[in-house]
Amino acid sequence: MPENRGLVLIAEDEPHIADLQRRYLSREGFGVHVETDGVAALAAARRMRPAAIVLDIALPGMDGMDVCRRLREEGDWTPVVFVTARDEVTDRILGLELGGDDYLAKPFSPQELVARVKSLLRRAAGPQQEPVRRLGRLTLDTGRRTLHVDDAPVELTTTEFNLLAFLMRNPGQVFTREQLLAQVWGYADYRDTRVMDVYVSQLRAKLADASPIRTVRGVGYSVADNGR
């Protein structure tokens, strides 16, 4: 039997899709709980504290974006994979701005969903023996998964944290959007590299004038060596 990888909450109102997701995730050792509307999904997330949430956007009762918004407002940063029937850029960007960590457009293969969830949880766990890193006014603890600006804690999503951690591990180096997608997501999905711009924008907003992230025109992003 595969090892127990933790509980995944699936919020999906189409029974055949939910059943397919459940079966493939279960085969890989995940416990799975399914809810078919947003209100029940929000209650289950609060009650069960899953390792990850696969969240359909078009849910009855409360849509998936509202579910994610409520969780983030409550300080719950459980990794979220948004699922939608549309691959509209506006939907994707809004989902990421609300604190989503990944995005899948229907139709997709259940194997891809499993790969995304595994990758997301690996990234959430992070390196176990990496030291605390400091850059300018930032202190990043990859063991505890915490970030402080001066002495004030800053809440980040899994993807925001991993993006900042990767850049801080490589100060002064310039990375293209494609390189950052491959490093931060853990797989090569270059259909829309603008999602990286969304995450950088989110990080800059949270870090305000302490942000060390620099845009290199025509290339991508880097962080300054001295964080200034």
C-alpha atoms as a PDB file:
ATOM      1  CA  MET A   1       0.000   0.000   0.000  1.00  0.00           C
ATOM      2  CA  PRO A   2       1.200   3.574  -0.677  1.00  0.00           C
ATOM      3  CA  GLU A   3       2.223   5.661   2.305  1.00  0.00           C
ATOM      4  CA  ASN A   4      -0.314   7.941   3.931  1.00  0.00           C
ATOM      5  CA  ARG A   5       0.258  11.348   2.373  1.00  0.00           C
ATOM      6  CA  GLY A   6      -2.401  13.278   4.303  1.00  0.00           C
ATOM      7  CA  LEU A   7      -5.966  14.417   3.668  1.00  0.00           C
ATOM      8  CA  VAL A   8      -7.069  16.215   0.508  1.00  0.00           C
ATOM      9  CA  LEU A   9     -10.388  18.051   0.557  1.00  0.00           C
ATOM     10  CA  ILE A  10     -12.120  18.026  -2.852  1.00  0.00           C
ATOM     11  CA  ALA A  11     -14.845  20.616  -3.421  1.00  0.00           C
ATOM     12  CA  GLU A  12     -16.557  19.586  -6.678  1.00  0.00           C
ATOM     13  CA  ASP A  13     -20.255  19.527  -7.563  1.00  0.00           C
ATOM     14  CA  GLU A  14     -19.962  17.215 -10.589  1.00  0.00           C
ATOM     15  CA  PRO A  15     -20.098  13.686  -9.092  1.00  0.00           C
ATOM     16  CA  HIS A  16     -18.229  11.880 -11.886  1.00  0.00           C
ATOM     17  CA  ILE A  17     -15.363  14.386 -11.759  1.00  0.00           C
ATOM     18  CA  ALA A  18     -15.188  14.257  -7.961  1.00  0.00           C
ATOM     19  CA  ASP A  19     -15.180  10.450  -8.032  1.00  0.00           C
ATOM     20  CA  LEU A  20     -12.364  10.378 -10.597  1.00  0.00           C
ATOM     21  CA  GLN A  21     -10.272  12.796  -8.538  1.00  0.00           C
ATOM     22  CA  ARG A  22     -10.967  10.799  -5.369  1.00  0.00           C
ATOM     23  CA  ARG A  23      -9.947   7.467  -6.913  1.00  0.00           C
ATOM     24  CA  TYR A  24      -6.667   8.728  -8.369  1.00  0.00           C
ATOM     25  CA  LEU A  25      -5.659  10.586  -5.210  1.00  0.00           C
ATOM     26  CA  SER A  26      -6.575   7.573  -3.059  1.00  0.00           C
ATOM     27  CA  ARG A  27      -4.372   5.321  -5.193  1.00  0.00           C
ATOM     28  CA  GLU A  28      -1.433   7.572  -4.348  1.00  0.00           C
ATOM     29  CA  GLY A  29      -2.022   7.257  -0.611  1.00  0.00           C
ATOM     30  CA  PHE A  30      -4.041  10.389   0.064  1.00  0.00           C
ATOM     31  CA  GLY A  31      -7.053  10.390   2.305  1.00  0.00           C
ATOM     32  CA  VAL A  32      -9.871  12.145   0.448  1.00  0.00           C
ATOM     33  CA  HIS A  33     -12.995  13.946   1.616  1.00  0.00           C
ATOM     34  CA  VAL A  34     -15.482  15.297  -0.945  1.00  0.00           C
ATOM     35  CA  GLU A  35     -17.963  18.156  -0.580  1.00  0.00           C
ATOM     36  CA  THR A  36     -20.331  19.319  -3.311  1.00  0.00           C
ATOM     37  CA  ASP A  37     -21.051  22.918  -2.313  1.00  0.00           C
ATOM     38  CA  GLY A  38     -19.017  25.858  -1.082  1.00  0.00           C
ATOM     39  CA  VAL A  39     -20.608  26.266   2.340  1.00  0.00           C
ATOM     40  CA  ALA A  40     -19.979  22.619   3.233  1.00  0.00           C
ATOM     41  CA  ALA A  41     -16.444  22.822   1.809  1.00  0.00           C
ATOM     42  CA  LEU A  42     -15.623  25.829   3.992  1.00  0.00           C
ATOM     43  CA  ALA A  43     -16.968  24.037   7.070  1.00  0.00           C
ATOM     44  CA  ALA A  44     -14.989  20.884   6.207  1.00  0.00           C
ATOM     45  CA  ALA A  45     -11.781  22.874   5.735  1.00  0.00           C
ATOM     46  CA  ARG A  46     -12.229  24.454   9.159  1.00  0.00           C
ATOM     47  CA  ARG A  47     -13.098  21.150  10.801  1.00  0.00           C
ATOM     48  CA  MET A  48     -10.639  18.754   9.145  1.00  0.00           C
ATOM     49  CA  ARG A  49      -7.575  20.934   8.489  1.00  0.00           C
ATOM     50  CA  PRO A  50      -6.639  19.076   5.271  1.00  0.00           C
ATOM     51  CA  ALA A  51      -3.132  18.998   3.815  1.00  0.00           C
ATOM     52  CA  ALA A  52      -4.435  20.494   0.545  1.00  0.00           C
ATOM     53  CA  ILE A  53      -7.708  21.611  -1.033  1.00  0.00           C
ATOM     54  CA  VAL A  54      -8.811  20.997  -4.634  1.00  0.00           C
ATOM     55  CA  LEU A  55     -11.359  23.753  -5.057  1.00  0.00           C
ATOM     56  CA  ASP A  56     -13.742  24.085  -7.978  1.00  0.00           C
ATOM     57  CA  ILE A  57     -14.569  27.734  -8.643  1.00  0.00           C
ATOM     58  CA  ALA A  58     -18.180  27.229  -9.802  1.00  0.00           C
ATOM     59  CA  LEU A  59     -19.681  25.733  -6.636  1.00  0.00           C
ATOM     60  CA  PRO A  60     -23.292  26.139  -5.487  1.00  0.00           C
ATOM     61  CA  GLY A  61     -23.978  27.953  -2.233  1.00  0.00           C
ATOM     62  CA  MET A  62     -20.626  29.754  -2.144  1.00  0.00           C
ATOM     63  CA  ASP A  63     -18.201  29.817  -5.042  1.00  0.00           C
ATOM     64  CA  GLY A  64     -14.660  28.552  -4.701  1.00  0.00           C
ATOM     65  CA  MET A  65     -13.095  31.997  -4.746  1.00  0.00           C
ATOM     66  CA  ASP A  66     -15.230  33.066  -1.800  1.00  0.00           C
ATOM     67  CA  VAL A  67     -14.267  29.880   0.056  1.00  0.00           C
ATOM     68  CA  CYS A  68     -10.574  30.645  -0.476  1.00  0.00           C
ATOM     69  CA  ARG A  69     -11.059  34.290   0.485  1.00  0.00           C
ATOM     70  CA  ARG A  70     -12.749  33.332   3.749  1.00  0.00           C
ATOM     71  CA  LEU A  71     -10.000  30.849   4.639  1.00  0.00           C
ATOM     72  CA  ARG A  72      -7.234  33.347   3.961  1.00  0.00           C
ATOM     73  CA  GLU A  73      -9.024  36.035   5.984  1.00  0.00           C
ATOM     74  CA  GLU A  74      -9.117  33.567   8.886  1.00  0.00           C
ATOM     75  CA  GLY A  75      -5.367  32.954   8.606  1.00  0.00           C
ATOM     76  CA  ASP A  76      -5.742  29.498   7.046  1.00  0.00           C
ATOM     77  CA  TRP A  77      -2.996  29.077   4.420  1.00  0.00           C
ATOM     78  CA  THR A  78      -3.727  25.485   3.424  1.00  0.00           C
ATOM     79  CA  PRO A  79      -2.436  24.994  -0.157  1.00  0.00           C
ATOM     80  CA  VAL A  80      -5.271  25.449  -2.686  1.00  0.00           C
ATOM     81  CA  VAL A  81      -5.485  24.185  -6.265  1.00  0.00           C
ATOM     82  CA  PHE A  82      -8.258  26.029  -8.100  1.00  0.00           C
ATOM     83  CA  VAL A  83     -10.229  24.108 -10.736  1.00  0.00           C
ATOM     84  CA  THR A  84     -12.482  25.766 -13.300  1.00  0.00           C
ATOM     85  CA  ALA A  85     -14.296  24.959 -16.518  1.00  0.00           C
ATOM     86  CA  ARG A  86     -12.790  28.086 -18.067  1.00  0.00           C
ATOM     87  CA  ASP A  87      -9.166  28.929 -18.713  1.00  0.00           C
ATOM     88  CA  GLU A  88      -9.738  32.675 -18.688  1.00  0.00           C
ATOM     89  CA  VAL A  89      -6.711  34.717 -17.676  1.00  0.00           C
ATOM     90  CA  THR A  90      -8.913  36.958 -15.493  1.00  0.00           C
ATOM     91  CA  ASP A  91     -10.176  33.937 -13.532  1.00  0.00           C
ATOM     92  CA  ARG A  92      -6.660  32.631 -13.068  1.00  0.00           C
ATOM     93  CA  ILE A  93      -5.265  35.961 -11.921  1.00  0.00           C
ATOM     94  CA  LEU A  94      -8.174  36.602  -9.533  1.00  0.00           C
ATOM     95  CA  GLY A  95      -7.760  33.127  -8.037  1.00  0.00           C
ATOM     96  CA  LEU A  96      -4.056  33.707  -7.451  1.00  0.00           C
ATOM     97  CA  GLU A  97      -4.669  37.144  -5.984  1.00  0.00           C
ATOM     98  CA  LEU A  98      -7.081  35.592  -3.493  1.00  0.00           C
ATOM     99  CA  GLY A  99      -4.337  33.272  -2.277  1.00  0.00           C
ATOM    100  CA  GLY A 100      -4.586  30.239  -4.546  1.00  0.00           C
ATOM    101  CA  ASP A 101      -1.391  28.248  -5.099  1.00  0.00           C
ATOM    102  CA  ASP A 102      -2.116  26.568  -8.419  1.00  0.00           C
ATOM    103  CA  TYR A 103      -4.715  26.450 -11.158  1.00  0.00           C
ATOM    104  CA  LEU A 104      -6.152  23.743 -13.436  1.00  0.00           C
ATOM    105  CA  ALA A 105      -8.622  24.278 -16.276  1.00  0.00           C
ATOM    106  CA  LYS A 106     -11.095  21.535 -17.195  1.00  0.00           C
ATOM    107  CA  PRO A 107     -10.733  19.160 -18.880  1.00  0.00           C
ATOM    108  CA  PHE A 108      -7.537  17.876 -17.278  1.00  0.00           C
ATOM    109  CA  SER A 109      -6.170  14.414 -16.630  1.00  0.00           C
ATOM    110  CA  PRO A 110      -6.496  13.046 -13.086  1.00  0.00           C
ATOM    111  CA  GLN A 111      -2.802  12.131 -13.276  1.00  0.00           C
ATOM    112  CA  GLU A 112      -1.992  15.815 -13.750  1.00  0.00           C
ATOM    113  CA  LEU A 113      -4.074  16.732 -10.715  1.00  0.00           C
ATOM    114  CA  VAL A 114      -2.209  14.154  -8.605  1.00  0.00           C
ATOM    115  CA  ALA A 115       1.133  15.509  -9.851  1.00  0.00           C
ATOM    116  CA  ARG A 116       0.094  19.059  -8.997  1.00  0.00           C
ATOM    117  CA  VAL A 117      -1.022  18.129  -5.482  1.00  0.00           C
ATOM    118  CA  LYS A 118       2.190  16.176  -4.827  1.00  0.00           C
ATOM    119  CA  SER A 119       4.322  19.044  -6.095  1.00  0.00           C
ATOM    120  CA  LEU A 120       2.393  21.564  -4.027  1.00  0.00           C
ATOM    121  CA  LEU A 121       2.830  19.540  -0.832  1.00  0.00           C
ATOM    122  CA  ARG A 122       6.547  19.026  -1.494  1.00  0.00           C
ATOM    123  CA  ARG A 123       6.929  22.751  -1.877  1.00  0.00           C
ATOM    124  CA  ALA A 124       4.879  23.423   1.240  1.00  0.00           C
ATOM    125  CA  ALA A 125       7.157  21.115   3.250  1.00  0.00           C
ATOM    126  CA  GLY A 126      10.269  22.845   1.923  1.00  0.00           C
ATOM    127  CA  PRO A 127      13.910  21.943   2.661  1.00  0.00           C
ATOM    128  CA  GLN A 128      14.315  20.578   6.186  1.00  0.00           C
ATOM    129  CA  GLN A 129      17.904  21.583   6.923  1.00  0.00           C
ATOM    130  CA  GLU A 130      18.141  24.971   5.293  1.00  0.00           C
ATOM    131  CA  PRO A 131      19.324  27.845   7.500  1.00  0.00           C
ATOM    132  CA  VAL A 132      17.499  31.039   8.260  1.00  0.00           C
ATOM    133  CA  ARG A 133      18.136  33.552   5.511  1.00  0.00           C
ATOM    134  CA  ARG A 134      18.338  37.312   5.927  1.00  0.00           C
ATOM    135  CA  LEU A 135      18.258  39.906   3.206  1.00  0.00           C
ATOM    136  CA  GLY A 136      17.842  43.571   3.973  1.00  0.00           C
ATOM    137  CA  ARG A 137      14.918  43.807   6.403  1.00  0.00           C
ATOM    138  CA  LEU A 138      13.700  40.282   5.641  1.00  0.00           C
ATOM    139  CA  THR A 139      14.246  37.178   7.778  1.00  0.00           C
ATOM    140  CA  LEU A 140      13.087  33.968   6.110  1.00  0.00           C
ATOM    141  CA  ASP A 141      12.984  30.746   8.148  1.00  0.00           C
ATOM    142  CA  THR A 142      12.481  27.857   5.720  1.00  0.00           C
ATOM    143  CA  GLY A 143      12.242  25.298   8.524  1.00  0.00           C
ATOM    144  CA  ARG A 144       9.366  27.052  10.285  1.00  0.00           C
ATOM    145  CA  ARG A 145       8.014  28.508   7.007  1.00  0.00           C
ATOM    146  CA  THR A 146       7.918  32.009   8.462  1.00  0.00           C
ATOM    147  CA  LEU A 147       8.820  35.435   7.157  1.00  0.00           C
ATOM    148  CA  HIS A 148       9.443  38.568   9.190  1.00  0.00           C
ATOM    149  CA  VAL A 149       9.946  42.100   7.958  1.00  0.00           C
ATOM    150  CA  ASP A 150      11.948  43.692  10.752  1.00  0.00           C
ATOM    151  CA  ASP A 151      10.155  42.050  13.704  1.00  0.00           C
ATOM    152  CA  ALA A 152       6.695  41.847  12.143  1.00  0.00           C
ATOM    153  CA  PRO A 153       5.425  38.510  10.749  1.00  0.00           C
ATOM    154  CA  VAL A 154       4.109  38.474   7.177  1.00  0.00           C
ATOM    155  CA  GLU A 155       1.690  35.775   6.014  1.00  0.00           C
ATOM    156  CA  LEU A 156       2.494  34.228   2.627  1.00  0.00           C
ATOM    157  CA  THR A 157       0.860  31.529   0.538  1.00  0.00           C
ATOM    158  CA  THR A 158       2.905  28.407  -0.188  1.00  0.00           C
ATOM    159  CA  THR A 159       3.766  29.629  -3.671  1.00  0.00           C
ATOM    160  CA  GLU A 160       4.619  33.160  -2.544  1.00  0.00           C
ATOM    161  CA  PHE A 161       6.901  31.750   0.157  1.00  0.00           C
ATOM    162  CA  ASN A 162       8.687  29.407  -2.235  1.00  0.00           C
ATOM    163  CA  LEU A 163       9.162  32.103  -4.856  1.00  0.00           C
ATOM    164  CA  LEU A 164      10.726  34.455  -2.314  1.00  0.00           C
ATOM    165  CA  ALA A 165      12.837  31.652  -0.818  1.00  0.00           C
ATOM    166  CA  PHE A 166      14.199  30.672  -4.226  1.00  0.00           C
ATOM    167  CA  LEU A 167      15.119  34.251  -5.106  1.00  0.00           C
ATOM    168  CA  MET A 168      16.737  34.811  -1.705  1.00  0.00           C
ATOM    169  CA  ARG A 169      18.821  31.651  -2.156  1.00  0.00           C
ATOM    170  CA  ASN A 170      20.159  33.168  -5.368  1.00  0.00           C
ATOM    171  CA  PRO A 171      20.710  36.896  -4.711  1.00  0.00           C
ATOM    172  CA  GLY A 172      21.894  38.929  -7.657  1.00  0.00           C
ATOM    173  CA  GLN A 173      20.950  36.281 -10.227  1.00  0.00           C
ATOM    174  CA  VAL A 174      18.368  37.118 -12.870  1.00  0.00           C
ATOM    175  CA  PHE A 175      15.714  34.529 -13.722  1.00  0.00           C
ATOM    176  CA  THR A 176      13.242  34.466 -16.570  1.00  0.00           C
ATOM    177  CA  ARG A 177       9.572  33.884 -15.851  1.00  0.00           C
ATOM    178  CA  GLU A 178       9.861  30.402 -17.367  1.00  0.00           C
ATOM    179  CA  GLN A 179      12.783  29.529 -15.089  1.00  0.00           C
ATOM    180  CA  LEU A 180      10.883  30.716 -12.035  1.00  0.00           C
ATOM    181  CA  LEU A 181       7.784  28.729 -13.010  1.00  0.00           C
ATOM    182  CA  ALA A 182       9.868  25.581 -13.343  1.00  0.00           C
ATOM    183  CA  GLN A 183      11.665  26.172 -10.035  1.00  0.00           C
ATOM    184  CA  VAL A 184       8.713  27.316  -7.938  1.00  0.00           C
ATOM    185  CA  TRP A 185       5.963  25.086  -9.338  1.00  0.00           C
ATOM    186  CA  GLY A 186       8.213  22.092  -9.881  1.00  0.00           C
ATOM    187  CA  TYR A 187       7.030  21.386 -13.419  1.00  0.00           C
ATOM    188  CA  ALA A 188       7.205  23.079 -16.808  1.00  0.00           C
ATOM    189  CA  ASP A 189       3.874  24.754 -17.587  1.00  0.00           C
ATOM    190  CA  TYR A 190       4.500  27.825 -19.668  1.00  0.00           C
ATOM    191  CA  ARG A 191       1.024  28.393 -21.086  1.00  0.00           C
ATOM    192  CA  ASP A 192       0.779  31.754 -19.369  1.00  0.00           C
ATOM    193  CA  THR A 193       3.925  33.149 -17.795  1.00  0.00           C
ATOM    194  CA  ARG A 194       1.955  36.205 -16.639  1.00  0.00           C
ATOM    195  CA  VAL A 195       0.941  34.271 -13.525  1.00  0.00           C
ATOM    196  CA  MET A 196       4.481  34.889 -12.281  1.00  0.00           C
ATOM    197  CA  ASP A 197       3.882  38.626 -12.559  1.00  0.00           C
ATOM    198  CA  VAL A 198       0.829  38.194 -10.324  1.00  0.00           C
ATOM    199  CA  TYR A 199       2.862  36.471  -7.621  1.00  0.00           C
ATOM    200  CA  VAL A 200       5.616  39.059  -7.784  1.00  0.00           C
ATOM    201  CA  SER A 201       3.009  41.814  -7.509  1.00  0.00           C
ATOM    202  CA  GLN A 202       1.443  40.083  -4.488  1.00  0.00           C
ATOM    203  CA  LEU A 203       4.822  39.733  -2.790  1.00  0.00           C
ATOM    204  CA  ARG A 204       5.723  43.351  -3.402  1.00  0.00           C
ATOM    205  CA  ALA A 205       2.390  44.473  -1.959  1.00  0.00           C
ATOM    206  CA  LYS A 206       2.942  42.421   1.210  1.00  0.00           C
ATOM    207  CA  LEU A 207       6.580  43.454   1.645  1.00  0.00           C
ATOM    208  CA  ALA A 208       5.966  47.106   0.721  1.00  0.00           C
ATOM    209  CA  ASP A 209       9.157  49.182   0.826  1.00  0.00           C
ATOM    210  CA  ALA A 210      11.109  46.228   2.280  1.00  0.00           C
ATOM    211  CA  SER A 211      10.760  44.270  -0.983  1.00  0.00           C
ATOM    212  CA  PRO A 212      14.150  43.354  -2.501  1.00  0.00           C
ATOM    213  CA  ILE A 213      12.613  42.097  -5.766  1.00  0.00           C
ATOM    214  CA  ARG A 214      13.795  43.863  -8.905  1.00  0.00           C
ATOM    215  CA  THR A 215      12.338  43.703 -12.409  1.00  0.00           C
ATOM    216  CA  VAL A 216      14.960  43.268 -15.128  1.00  0.00           C
ATOM    217  CA  ARG A 217      13.297  44.654 -18.212  1.00  0.00           C
ATOM    218  CA  GLY A 218      12.964  42.155 -21.030  1.00  0.00           C
ATOM    219  CA  VAL A 219      14.328  39.294 -18.914  1.00  0.00           C
ATOM    220  CA  GLY A 220      12.592  38.600 -15.587  1.00  0.00           C
ATOM    221  CA  TYR A 221      13.267  39.104 -11.887  1.00  0.00           C
ATOM    222  CA  SER A 222      16.022  39.073  -9.294  1.00  0.00           C
ATOM    223  CA  VAL A 223      16.675  40.187  -5.719  1.00  0.00           C
ATOM    224  CA  ALA A 224      19.428  42.639  -4.884  1.00  0.00           C
ATOM    225  CA  ASP A 225      22.494  41.246  -3.146  1.00  0.00           C
ATOM    226  CA  ASN A 226      22.145  43.707  -0.253  1.00  0.00           C
ATOM    227  CA  GLY A 227      18.333  43.676  -0.245  1.00  0.00           C
ATOM    228  CA  ARG A 228      18.232  47.436  -0.742  1.00  0.00           C
END
